[in-house]
Protein backbone atom coordinates (compact mmCIF):
# COMPACT_ATOMS: atom_id res chain seq x y z
CA MET A 1 127.08 133.60 133.39
CA ASN A 2 130.81 133.07 134.00
CA ALA A 3 132.99 132.30 131.00
CA THR A 4 135.56 129.54 131.39
CA PRO A 5 139.03 131.06 131.06
CA GLU A 6 141.23 129.86 128.21
CA PRO A 7 143.81 127.36 129.50
CA ALA A 8 147.46 128.44 129.51
CA TRP A 9 148.92 126.35 126.68
CA SER A 10 152.61 125.47 126.57
CA LYS A 11 154.82 123.71 124.06
CA SER A 12 157.72 121.41 124.82
CA SER A 13 161.18 122.93 124.97
CA TYR A 14 162.16 120.11 122.59
CA SER A 15 159.92 121.56 119.87
CA GLY A 16 161.72 122.95 116.87
CA SER A 17 161.57 126.60 115.90
CA GLN A 18 159.53 125.68 112.80
CA GLY A 19 156.52 124.71 114.92
CA ASP A 20 155.91 121.45 113.08
CA ASP A 21 154.92 118.11 114.58
CA CYS A 22 154.25 119.51 118.03
CA VAL A 23 151.58 119.26 120.63
CA GLU A 24 150.72 121.75 123.32
CA VAL A 25 149.48 120.94 126.80
CA ALA A 26 147.52 122.93 129.37
CA VAL A 27 146.98 121.85 132.96
CA ILE A 28 143.52 122.57 134.29
CA GLU A 29 141.96 121.66 137.62
CA GLN A 30 141.04 118.03 136.94
CA ALA A 31 142.91 117.20 133.71
CA VAL A 32 145.67 117.86 131.24
CA CYS A 33 144.47 119.15 127.87
CA VAL A 34 146.35 118.28 124.67
CA ARG A 35 146.06 119.95 121.26
CA ASP A 36 147.82 120.07 117.90
CA SER A 37 150.01 123.17 117.81
CA LYS A 38 149.68 123.36 114.02
CA ASP A 39 145.88 123.64 114.18
CA VAL A 40 144.85 125.20 117.48
CA ALA A 41 141.32 125.87 116.22
CA ARG A 42 140.57 122.14 116.29
CA PRO A 43 139.16 120.72 119.51
CA HIS A 44 141.59 119.50 122.15
CA PHE A 45 141.23 116.38 124.26
CA ALA A 46 141.66 116.03 128.00
CA VAL A 47 143.32 113.29 130.02
CA GLY A 48 142.95 112.85 133.77
CA ARG A 49 146.00 113.86 135.78
CA ASP A 50 146.67 110.27 136.89
CA GLY A 51 146.53 109.03 133.30
CA TRP A 52 148.86 111.81 132.18
CA SER A 53 151.33 110.96 134.94
CA ARG A 54 151.36 107.30 133.87
CA PHE A 55 151.85 108.33 130.23
CA VAL A 56 154.78 110.62 131.04
CA GLY A 57 156.26 107.95 133.34
CA PHE A 58 156.10 105.45 130.48
CA LEU A 59 157.91 107.88 128.16
CA THR A 60 160.72 108.42 130.64
CA ASP A 61 161.21 104.64 130.91
CA VAL A 62 161.57 104.19 127.12
């Protein structure tokens, strides 16, 4: 049985050095995973790449 490798999580460069109020993202084959950087033991959620692109596009238009 092959184990699924842990995604490579990254935090925004805009995150403060205190580590509060941040999310981390990891790009996997079919999705972008999002988790709370303050509680990485909690489950993450995944968004399809198209949905993530639309979300990021919306943020850049704000």
